[in-house]
Amino acid sequence: MKNKLKTRINRDDIISIIDSHLISYPTPEDINYSWSFGFLSGITLLLQIVTGIFLSMHYTPEVNLAFDSIEHIMRNVNGGWFIRYAHANGSSFFFIVIYFHILKGLYYGSYLYPKRALWFSGIVIFLLTMATAFIGYVLPWGQMSYWGATVITNLFSALPQVGQSIVQWIWGGFAVGNSTLNRFFSLHFLFPFLICGVVFLHLVLLHRVGSTSPLGLTHKVNSISFYPYFFIKDLFALQIFLLIFAIVIFYFPNILGHPDNYIEANSLSTPAHITPEWYYTPDYAILRSFPNKLAGVVAMIAAILVLFLLPFIDTTKIRSGHFRKIYSTFLWIWVVNFIILGWIGQKPVESPYTEIGQVATFYYFLFLLVIIPLSGKIEDYGRKNWKVPVNGLLRAQIYRCIEIEAIITKEYLDDKKRYISYSNITGSSIHKQLTDLDIYYTVLKNEIEEKRLLKQKALNENQLSFKIWRLFKYIRIQ
């Protein structure tokens, strides 16, 4: 019956695609909840598109009516306040799950071969999302929207010769005005569908190379079907996400916004301190860390584009940060440093915030351009010469042997049960088949056990060598 159902599924192209990519998709059995951030990113994108479509039905992209149309949505449209708060806070939550998704990729080495194209498509999605969120932030036409658009678009004026012409082309005039608002509204409506196209490409690339396990394994020997195991896991993560999202919408809807944006835009009144949305503040802090305007713009753009270089400059032979103590230590320092940059981006340009921002900017690039390739070299040299306990590769191979042994045992028991069931139905003898199955299972299990013991012996020798090396180092210091 099961084989007939499988044949029927394979005959139908659409159902076959759904089965192979959502139901029977092989997923590493040891992945944790950090893999759910990719699923949550897709759900948040869908949420933003749906709420954005409903908001566009009542929004008016005209400088004299834009701010009032937002108030109309909040006060007069049935459920308008909920849709608007869901969309405004949804952008913040979108960036939260994206930042965690990128952090997961950095920690587990998801940018390494054979996943370079997958990593590149993810960074393109990130860039498009940042552009979409920025032009969307201008649409409420509050004080921070207007002056944020003025400051950020003015950055293009730092380009020699053509900078001012580009700025005026973006504005559609000599200042941010009605033309700017209209074209930003059109682009903000269009970009999410462009993002959906790149997300589809991202999923195609993911399913082509497969998901990586926390151990850094790219093989599918320890995989199980996505449904129902990880489908239920992602649903649980979604419930937690929606709970937090609902608490913010219903109890703290303005906690992530700026109070000045509830004042209508006024080109004659500049706010005391212009700050972008919180998810731009790390890049804004990098921009302000350079006295030269052009250097700041280049550094701000390079802060994101440098992520494209990671697959080429990382020299490690171990994928997962679980087994890379040097790299993972500096990575968590970099995460704290990123949070500090976000804090600095909300502060005025004065001492000591300027100096702290410059130090944080220096470490941001130091980690991505120097520490990542250098840590791989040091860990590799330590494994070959010092026998430093960076034994991630050996541990991963041992775990993989254990996993393969468990899978073979399960398949052996399933086959044995199937033979016995067949014998009970047909009444035929299966003694020879069971004997051959036992011999085949014993040979495979012995081979895997032998490999595991060899790896365990090498791991023990490595750890013993490190203890002896540390003892000699201590004697030399004394």
Protein backbone atom coordinates (compact mmCIF):
# COMPACT_ATOMS: atom_id res chain seq x y z
CA MET A 1 0.00 0.00 0.00
CA LYS A 2 2.84 2.36 0.91
CA ASN A 3 4.65 1.64 -2.38
CA LYS A 4 1.45 2.29 -4.36
CA LEU A 5 1.01 5.64 -2.59
CA LYS A 6 4.63 6.56 -3.33
CA THR A 7 4.17 5.67 -7.01
CA ARG A 8 1.04 7.80 -7.18
CA ILE A 9 2.86 10.74 -5.59
CA ASN A 10 5.74 10.47 -8.04
CA ARG A 11 3.34 10.55 -11.00
CA ASP A 12 1.96 13.93 -10.01
CA ASP A 13 4.58 16.62 -10.59
CA ILE A 14 3.17 19.18 -8.15
CA ILE A 15 2.57 16.71 -5.34
CA SER A 16 5.99 15.19 -6.03
CA ILE A 17 7.66 18.59 -5.59
CA ILE A 18 5.80 19.17 -2.33
CA ASP A 19 6.75 15.70 -1.14
CA SER A 20 10.45 16.00 -2.00
CA HIS A 21 10.92 19.54 -0.67
CA LEU A 22 8.56 19.74 2.31
CA ILE A 23 7.63 16.24 3.43
CA SER A 24 10.42 13.80 2.56
CA TYR A 25 13.19 16.40 2.44
CA PRO A 26 16.21 14.81 4.23
CA THR A 27 17.09 16.86 7.30
CA PRO A 28 19.95 16.18 9.77
CA GLU A 29 18.38 14.63 12.84
CA ASP A 30 20.52 16.64 15.29
CA ILE A 31 19.71 20.20 14.17
CA ASN A 32 18.55 22.53 16.96
CA TYR A 33 16.15 25.46 17.23
CA SER A 34 18.63 27.92 15.69
CA TRP A 35 17.67 26.39 12.32
CA SER A 36 14.11 27.64 12.90
CA PHE A 37 15.19 31.26 12.30
CA GLY A 38 15.22 30.60 8.54
CA PHE A 39 11.62 29.38 8.72
CA LEU A 40 10.65 32.38 10.89
CA SER A 41 12.26 34.73 8.35
CA GLY A 42 9.96 33.39 5.65
CA ILE A 43 6.89 33.70 7.89
CA THR A 44 7.81 37.28 8.81
CA LEU A 45 8.30 38.19 5.14
CA LEU A 46 4.84 36.81 4.36
CA LEU A 47 3.40 38.79 7.29
CA GLN A 48 4.98 42.01 6.01
CA ILE A 49 3.64 41.49 2.50
CA VAL A 50 0.08 40.79 3.67
CA THR A 51 -0.08 43.72 6.13
CA GLY A 52 1.63 46.00 3.60
CA ILE A 53 -0.96 45.24 0.93
CA PHE A 54 -3.79 46.15 3.32
CA LEU A 55 -2.02 49.35 4.38
CA SER A 56 -1.49 50.40 0.75
CA MET A 57 -5.26 50.36 0.25
CA HIS A 58 -5.64 53.35 2.60
CA TYR A 59 -2.25 55.09 2.36
CA THR A 60 -1.85 58.27 0.25
CA PRO A 61 1.71 58.94 -1.08
CA GLU A 62 1.43 62.74 -1.10
CA VAL A 63 3.41 65.04 1.20
CA ASN A 64 0.34 66.93 2.43
CA LEU A 65 -1.74 63.79 3.03
CA ALA A 66 0.73 60.97 3.91
CA PHE A 67 0.93 61.72 7.64
CA ASP A 68 -2.83 62.22 7.91
CA SER A 69 -3.51 58.99 6.00
CA ILE A 70 -1.51 57.10 8.64
CA GLU A 71 -3.64 58.71 11.35
CA HIS A 72 -6.75 57.79 9.34
CA ILE A 73 -5.62 54.15 9.25
CA MET A 74 -4.96 54.20 13.00
CA ARG A 75 -8.23 55.88 14.02
CA ASN A 76 -10.92 55.26 11.39
CA VAL A 77 -10.15 52.02 9.54
CA ASN A 78 -11.53 48.91 11.22
CA GLY A 79 -8.55 47.01 12.61
CA GLY A 80 -6.23 49.58 11.04
CA TRP A 81 -4.29 50.13 14.26
CA PHE A 82 -3.51 46.40 14.44
CA ILE A 83 -2.40 46.18 10.80
CA ARG A 84 -0.21 49.26 11.12
CA TYR A 85 1.42 48.12 14.39
CA ALA A 86 1.92 44.62 12.99
CA HIS A 87 3.65 46.04 9.91
CA ALA A 88 5.77 48.58 11.82
CA ASN A 89 6.92 46.11 14.48
CA GLY A 90 7.10 43.30 11.93
CA SER A 91 10.04 45.02 10.23
CA SER A 92 11.94 45.01 13.52
CA PHE A 93 11.14 41.36 14.15
CA PHE A 94 12.13 40.57 10.57
CA PHE A 95 15.61 41.95 11.22
CA ILE A 96 15.83 40.18 14.58
CA VAL A 97 15.30 36.76 13.00
CA ILE A 98 17.58 37.66 10.06
CA TYR A 99 20.41 38.69 12.40
CA PHE A 100 20.03 35.44 14.33
CA HIS A 101 19.92 33.50 11.06
CA ILE A 102 23.20 35.11 9.94
CA LEU A 103 24.75 34.42 13.35
CA LYS A 104 23.80 30.75 13.02
CA GLY A 105 25.47 30.70 9.60
CA LEU A 106 28.64 32.23 11.01
CA TYR A 107 28.80 29.88 14.00
CA TYR A 108 28.15 26.67 12.07
CA GLY A 109 30.16 27.62 8.98
CA SER A 110 27.21 27.70 6.59
CA TYR A 111 29.16 29.92 4.20
CA LEU A 112 31.84 27.31 3.45
CA TYR A 113 31.99 25.06 0.39
CA PRO A 114 29.67 23.68 -1.01
CA LYS A 115 27.30 26.38 0.26
CA ARG A 116 28.91 29.50 -1.19
CA ALA A 117 26.07 30.24 -3.62
CA LEU A 118 23.56 29.72 -0.81
CA TRP A 119 25.43 32.21 1.39
CA PHE A 120 25.64 34.76 -1.44
CA SER A 121 21.89 34.57 -2.07
CA GLY A 122 21.26 35.11 1.65
CA ILE A 123 23.39 38.26 1.69
CA VAL A 124 21.53 39.56 -1.38
CA ILE A 125 18.25 39.01 0.51
CA PHE A 126 19.73 40.93 3.45
CA LEU A 127 20.72 43.88 1.24
CA LEU A 128 17.30 44.00 -0.45
CA THR A 129 15.61 43.86 2.95
CA MET A 130 17.68 46.77 4.25
CA ALA A 131 16.80 48.85 1.17
CA THR A 132 13.10 47.97 1.45
CA ALA A 133 12.97 48.80 5.16
CA PHE A 134 14.70 52.15 4.63
CA ILE A 135 12.34 53.41 1.92
CA GLY A 136 9.41 52.08 3.97
CA TYR A 137 10.56 54.09 7.00
CA VAL A 138 10.16 57.27 4.93
CA LEU A 139 6.49 56.66 4.10
CA PRO A 140 4.89 57.72 7.46
CA TRP A 141 6.30 61.20 6.72
CA GLY A 142 7.13 62.03 10.31
CA GLN A 143 10.06 64.13 11.44
CA MET A 144 12.48 61.20 11.71
CA SER A 145 11.25 59.79 8.38
CA TYR A 146 11.88 63.05 6.54
CA TRP A 147 15.24 63.88 8.09
CA GLY A 148 16.42 60.28 7.99
CA ALA A 149 15.72 60.20 4.26
CA THR A 150 17.52 63.54 3.83
CA VAL A 151 20.64 62.41 5.72
CA ILE A 152 20.93 58.92 4.21
CA THR A 153 20.30 59.95 0.59
CA ASN A 154 22.78 62.81 1.03
CA LEU A 155 25.50 60.20 1.57
CA PHE A 156 25.65 59.72 -2.19
CA SER A 157 26.92 63.30 -2.46
CA ALA A 158 30.24 62.03 -1.08
CA LEU A 159 30.95 60.44 -4.46
CA PRO A 160 33.25 62.71 -6.44
CA GLN A 161 31.93 64.41 -9.58
CA VAL A 162 28.60 62.57 -9.85
CA GLY A 163 27.49 62.52 -6.20
CA GLN A 164 25.22 65.58 -6.20
CA SER A 165 23.61 64.58 -9.49
CA ILE A 166 22.76 61.14 -8.07
CA VAL A 167 21.21 62.73 -4.98
CA GLN A 168 19.00 65.02 -7.05
CA TRP A 169 18.03 62.09 -9.27
CA ILE A 170 16.94 60.09 -6.20
CA TRP A 171 15.03 63.06 -4.76
CA GLY A 172 13.39 63.97 -8.09
CA GLY A 173 14.21 67.61 -7.31
CA PHE A 174 16.43 69.74 -5.08
CA ALA A 175 15.10 68.37 -1.78
CA VAL A 176 13.18 65.42 -0.37
CA GLY A 177 9.60 66.04 -1.49
CA ASN A 178 6.56 64.67 -3.24
CA SER A 179 8.50 63.00 -6.06
CA THR A 180 10.72 61.24 -3.50
CA LEU A 181 7.72 60.00 -1.53
CA ASN A 182 5.95 58.67 -4.64
CA ARG A 183 8.91 56.75 -5.99
CA PHE A 184 9.77 55.39 -2.53
CA PHE A 185 6.19 54.14 -2.16
CA SER A 186 6.35 52.38 -5.54
CA LEU A 187 9.70 50.77 -4.77
CA HIS A 188 8.57 49.75 -1.29
CA PHE A 189 5.59 47.95 -2.84
CA LEU A 190 7.75 46.27 -5.52
CA PHE A 191 10.83 45.17 -3.55
CA PRO A 192 9.12 42.54 -1.31
CA PHE A 193 8.12 40.56 -4.40
CA LEU A 194 11.68 40.80 -5.66
CA ILE A 195 12.81 39.50 -2.27
CA CYS A 196 10.37 36.59 -2.64
CA GLY A 197 12.07 35.65 -5.92
CA VAL A 198 15.51 35.63 -4.31
CA VAL A 199 14.10 33.68 -1.32
CA PHE A 200 12.84 31.03 -3.77
CA LEU A 201 16.34 30.85 -5.29
CA HIS A 202 17.73 30.61 -1.73
CA LEU A 203 15.50 27.60 -1.00
CA VAL A 204 16.42 25.92 -4.30
CA LEU A 205 20.12 26.27 -3.48
CA LEU A 206 19.51 25.00 0.06
CA HIS A 207 17.71 21.88 -1.12
CA ARG A 208 20.37 21.27 -3.75
CA VAL A 209 23.23 21.01 -1.22
CA GLY A 210 21.18 20.03 1.85
CA SER A 211 21.19 21.35 5.40
CA THR A 212 24.31 21.19 7.55
CA SER A 213 24.16 19.55 10.96
CA PRO A 214 25.55 21.21 14.13
CA LEU A 215 28.49 18.81 13.84
CA GLY A 216 29.40 20.37 10.50
CA LEU A 217 28.50 17.28 8.48
CA THR A 218 27.11 17.82 4.99
CA HIS A 219 26.36 14.16 4.28
CA LYS A 220 22.83 12.79 4.50
CA VAL A 221 23.63 9.59 6.43
CA ASN A 222 22.14 10.96 9.65
CA SER A 223 19.07 12.50 8.02
CA ILE A 224 15.37 11.96 8.61
CA SER A 225 12.36 13.37 6.79
CA PHE A 226 11.43 16.97 7.44
CA TYR A 227 7.78 16.07 8.11
CA PRO A 228 6.58 15.55 10.77
CA TYR A 229 9.63 15.90 13.02
CA PHE A 230 11.03 19.31 12.10
CA PHE A 231 7.70 20.63 10.89
CA ILE A 232 6.41 20.30 14.46
CA LYS A 233 9.65 21.81 15.76
CA ASP A 234 9.27 24.86 13.51
CA LEU A 235 5.60 25.19 14.52
CA PHE A 236 6.61 25.32 18.17
CA ALA A 237 9.21 28.01 17.37
CA LEU A 238 6.50 29.90 15.45
CA GLN A 239 4.19 29.79 18.48
CA ILE A 240 6.89 31.29 20.70
CA PHE A 241 7.61 33.95 18.07
CA LEU A 242 3.92 34.89 17.68
CA LEU A 243 3.51 35.07 21.46
CA ILE A 244 6.36 37.58 21.80
CA PHE A 245 5.13 39.44 18.72
CA ALA A 246 1.60 39.71 20.14
CA ILE A 247 2.91 40.98 23.49
CA VAL A 248 4.79 43.77 21.70
CA ILE A 249 1.82 44.72 19.48
CA PHE A 250 -0.82 44.75 22.22
CA TYR A 251 1.20 46.06 25.17
CA PHE A 252 4.31 47.85 23.85
CA PRO A 253 3.52 48.84 20.24
CA ASN A 254 5.78 51.90 20.19
CA ILE A 255 8.76 50.51 22.09
CA LEU A 256 10.83 50.02 18.92
CA GLY A 257 9.84 53.35 17.29
CA HIS A 258 11.11 56.90 17.69
CA PRO A 259 8.81 59.47 19.37
CA ASP A 260 9.80 62.21 16.89
CA ASN A 261 8.20 60.21 14.09
CA TYR A 262 4.78 60.98 15.58
CA ILE A 263 5.36 64.63 14.62
CA GLU A 264 4.53 65.57 11.04
CA ALA A 265 7.53 66.24 8.80
CA ASN A 266 8.74 69.85 8.85
CA SER A 267 11.63 70.87 6.60
CA LEU A 268 12.19 74.03 8.70
CA SER A 269 12.61 72.19 12.04
CA THR A 270 15.54 69.80 12.39
CA PRO A 271 15.38 67.25 15.27
CA ALA A 272 18.07 67.59 17.92
CA HIS A 273 19.44 64.12 17.20
CA ILE A 274 18.72 62.26 13.97
CA THR A 275 18.87 58.47 14.33
CA PRO A 276 17.72 55.71 11.98
CA GLU A 277 15.75 52.63 13.06
CA TRP A 278 17.60 50.43 15.56
CA TYR A 279 18.51 47.77 12.97
CA TYR A 280 20.53 50.35 11.02
CA THR A 281 22.38 51.78 14.03
CA PRO A 282 25.44 49.44 13.79
CA ASP A 283 26.06 50.58 10.19
CA TYR A 284 25.29 54.17 11.19
CA ALA A 285 27.90 53.93 13.97
CA ILE A 286 30.48 52.65 11.45
CA LEU A 287 29.62 55.57 9.16
CA ARG A 288 30.16 58.12 11.94
CA SER A 289 33.46 56.56 13.06
CA PHE A 290 35.30 58.18 10.14
CA PRO A 291 35.89 61.96 10.04
CA ASN A 292 35.92 61.85 6.24
CA LYS A 293 32.45 61.51 4.72
CA LEU A 294 33.53 59.39 1.74
CA ALA A 295 35.57 57.06 3.96
CA GLY A 296 32.56 56.61 6.24
CA VAL A 297 30.27 55.74 3.33
CA VAL A 298 32.80 53.24 1.93
CA ALA A 299 33.21 51.63 5.38
CA MET A 300 29.44 51.40 5.90
CA ILE A 301 28.95 49.65 2.55
CA ALA A 302 32.01 47.45 3.10
CA ALA A 303 30.60 46.34 6.47
CA ILE A 304 27.97 44.33 4.57
CA LEU A 305 29.84 43.51 1.36
CA VAL A 306 32.70 41.97 3.37
CA LEU A 307 30.35 39.09 4.16
CA PHE A 308 30.69 38.02 0.51
CA LEU A 309 34.41 37.39 1.12
CA LEU A 310 34.02 34.94 4.01
CA PRO A 311 33.78 31.76 1.88
CA PHE A 312 37.09 32.66 0.22
CA ILE A 313 39.17 33.91 3.17
CA ASP A 314 38.19 31.31 5.77
CA THR A 315 40.98 28.71 5.94
CA THR A 316 39.46 26.27 8.42
CA LYS A 317 39.04 22.58 7.70
CA ILE A 318 36.37 22.24 10.41
CA ARG A 319 32.97 23.70 9.67
CA SER A 320 31.19 23.87 13.04
CA GLY A 321 32.06 26.40 15.77
CA HIS A 322 31.34 23.65 18.31
CA PHE A 323 34.85 22.33 17.71
CA ARG A 324 36.65 25.63 17.10
CA LYS A 325 37.27 27.20 20.48
CA ILE A 326 39.51 30.00 19.21
CA TYR A 327 37.11 31.04 16.47
CA SER A 328 33.95 30.73 18.59
CA THR A 329 35.48 32.83 21.40
CA PHE A 330 36.28 35.71 19.05
CA LEU A 331 32.87 35.29 17.36
CA TRP A 332 30.98 35.88 20.61
CA ILE A 333 33.18 38.92 21.31
CA TRP A 334 32.25 40.14 17.83
CA VAL A 335 28.54 39.69 18.64
CA VAL A 336 28.91 41.83 21.79
CA ASN A 337 30.88 44.34 19.71
CA PHE A 338 28.00 44.46 17.17
CA ILE A 339 25.55 45.24 19.99
CA ILE A 340 27.87 48.01 21.20
CA LEU A 341 27.89 49.48 17.68
CA GLY A 342 24.09 49.49 17.73
CA TRP A 343 24.14 51.34 21.05
CA ILE A 344 26.72 53.86 19.82
CA GLY A 345 24.64 54.55 16.69
CA GLN A 346 21.85 55.93 18.90
CA LYS A 347 24.15 58.28 20.83
CA PRO A 348 25.19 61.84 19.87
CA VAL A 349 28.47 62.40 18.04
CA GLU A 350 30.59 63.36 21.04
CA SER A 351 33.22 61.93 23.36
CA PRO A 352 33.44 59.17 24.58
CA TYR A 353 30.89 57.68 22.13
CA THR A 354 33.00 58.58 19.10
CA GLU A 355 36.10 56.82 20.47
CA ILE A 356 34.13 53.73 21.52
CA GLY A 357 32.56 53.57 18.07
CA GLN A 358 35.96 53.75 16.38
CA VAL A 359 37.33 50.89 18.50
CA ALA A 360 34.19 48.79 17.86
CA THR A 361 34.43 49.49 14.12
CA PHE A 362 38.08 48.43 14.12
CA TYR A 363 37.25 45.09 15.79
CA TYR A 364 34.27 44.55 13.45
CA PHE A 365 36.55 44.50 10.41
CA LEU A 366 39.46 42.89 12.29
CA PHE A 367 37.36 39.82 13.06
CA LEU A 368 35.92 39.41 9.55
CA LEU A 369 39.11 40.11 7.60
CA VAL A 370 41.93 38.94 9.91
CA ILE A 371 40.76 36.76 12.79
CA ILE A 372 38.58 34.40 10.71
CA PRO A 373 41.37 33.37 8.27
CA LEU A 374 44.06 33.50 10.98
CA SER A 375 42.10 31.35 13.46
CA GLY A 376 41.71 28.65 10.82
CA LYS A 377 45.48 28.66 10.21
CA ILE A 378 46.26 28.55 13.94
CA GLU A 379 43.82 25.72 14.62
CA ASP A 380 45.10 23.72 11.65
CA TYR A 381 48.74 24.27 12.70
CA GLY A 382 47.87 23.30 16.26
CA ARG A 383 46.32 20.03 15.16
CA LYS A 384 49.38 19.12 13.09
CA ASN A 385 52.21 20.32 15.35
CA TRP A 386 51.22 21.31 18.90
CA LYS A 387 48.42 18.75 19.27
CA VAL A 388 46.30 21.52 20.72
CA PRO A 389 42.89 20.15 21.82
CA VAL A 390 41.11 21.55 18.79
CA ASN A 391 39.91 18.03 18.04
CA GLY A 392 36.67 18.94 16.34
CA LEU A 393 37.33 16.87 13.21
CA LEU A 394 38.07 13.72 15.20
CA ARG A 395 35.06 14.21 17.45
CA ALA A 396 32.79 14.85 14.46
CA GLN A 397 34.05 11.65 12.79
CA ILE A 398 33.45 9.65 15.99
CA TYR A 399 29.92 11.03 16.30
CA ARG A 400 29.30 10.23 12.65
CA CYS A 401 30.42 6.61 13.14
CA ILE A 402 28.02 6.30 16.09
CA GLU A 403 25.19 7.80 14.03
CA ILE A 404 25.85 5.48 11.07
CA GLU A 405 25.91 2.49 13.38
CA ALA A 406 22.53 3.50 14.84
CA ILE A 407 21.05 3.95 11.36
CA ILE A 408 22.35 0.57 10.17
CA THR A 409 20.97 -1.12 13.29
CA LYS A 410 17.55 0.44 12.70
CA GLU A 411 17.53 -0.62 9.04
CA TYR A 412 18.65 -4.15 10.03
CA LEU A 413 15.79 -4.50 12.52
CA ASP A 414 13.29 -3.12 9.99
CA ASP A 415 14.45 -5.57 7.30
CA LYS A 416 14.35 -8.48 9.73
CA LYS A 417 10.82 -7.57 10.78
CA ARG A 418 9.79 -7.30 7.11
CA TYR A 419 11.20 -10.77 6.33
CA ILE A 420 9.40 -12.32 9.28
CA SER A 421 6.13 -10.61 8.31
CA TYR A 422 6.51 -11.86 4.74
CA SER A 423 7.17 -15.40 6.01
CA ASN A 424 4.04 -15.34 8.18
CA ILE A 425 1.91 -14.25 5.25
CA THR A 426 3.30 -16.61 2.58
CA GLY A 427 4.42 -19.50 4.78
CA SER A 428 7.79 -19.71 2.97
CA SER A 429 11.14 -20.29 4.69
CA ILE A 430 13.40 -17.28 5.15
CA HIS A 431 16.25 -18.94 7.05
CA LYS A 432 18.82 -18.23 4.30
CA GLN A 433 17.71 -14.59 3.91
CA LEU A 434 17.96 -13.99 7.66
CA THR A 435 21.40 -15.60 7.79
CA ASP A 436 22.67 -13.41 4.92
CA LEU A 437 21.19 -10.36 6.58
CA ASP A 438 22.90 -11.17 9.89
CA ILE A 439 26.26 -11.65 8.19
CA TYR A 440 25.93 -8.41 6.20
CA TYR A 441 24.94 -6.45 9.33
CA THR A 442 27.80 -7.94 11.39
CA VAL A 443 30.40 -7.05 8.74
CA LEU A 444 29.16 -3.48 8.43
CA LYS A 445 28.96 -2.97 12.18
CA ASN A 446 32.49 -4.33 12.71
CA GLU A 447 33.90 -2.01 10.04
CA ILE A 448 32.26 1.04 11.57
CA GLU A 449 33.29 0.01 15.09
CA GLU A 450 36.88 -0.42 13.92
CA LYS A 451 36.88 3.06 12.38
CA ARG A 452 35.39 4.56 15.53
CA LEU A 453 38.02 2.92 17.75
CA LEU A 454 40.82 4.22 15.50
CA LYS A 455 39.43 7.77 15.70
CA GLN A 456 38.97 7.49 19.46
CA LYS A 457 42.56 6.29 19.83
CA ALA A 458 43.83 9.23 17.78
CA LEU A 459 41.74 11.62 19.89
CA ASN A 460 43.13 10.19 23.13
CA GLU A 461 46.71 10.43 21.81
CA ASN A 462 46.10 14.02 20.74
CA GLN A 463 44.81 14.98 24.18
CA LEU A 464 47.71 13.19 25.89
CA SER A 465 50.22 14.98 23.63
CA PHE A 466 48.66 18.30 24.53
CA LYS A 467 48.97 17.59 28.26
CA ILE A 468 52.66 16.73 27.78
CA TRP A 469 53.13 19.89 25.67
CA ARG A 470 51.50 22.00 28.38
CA LEU A 471 53.71 20.39 31.04
CA PHE A 472 56.90 21.21 29.10
CA LYS A 473 55.65 24.75 28.52
CA TYR A 474 55.04 25.16 32.26
CA ILE A 475 58.55 23.83 33.04
CA ARG A 476 60.08 26.20 30.47
CA ILE A 477 58.26 29.17 32.04
CA GLN A 478 59.42 28.19 35.51
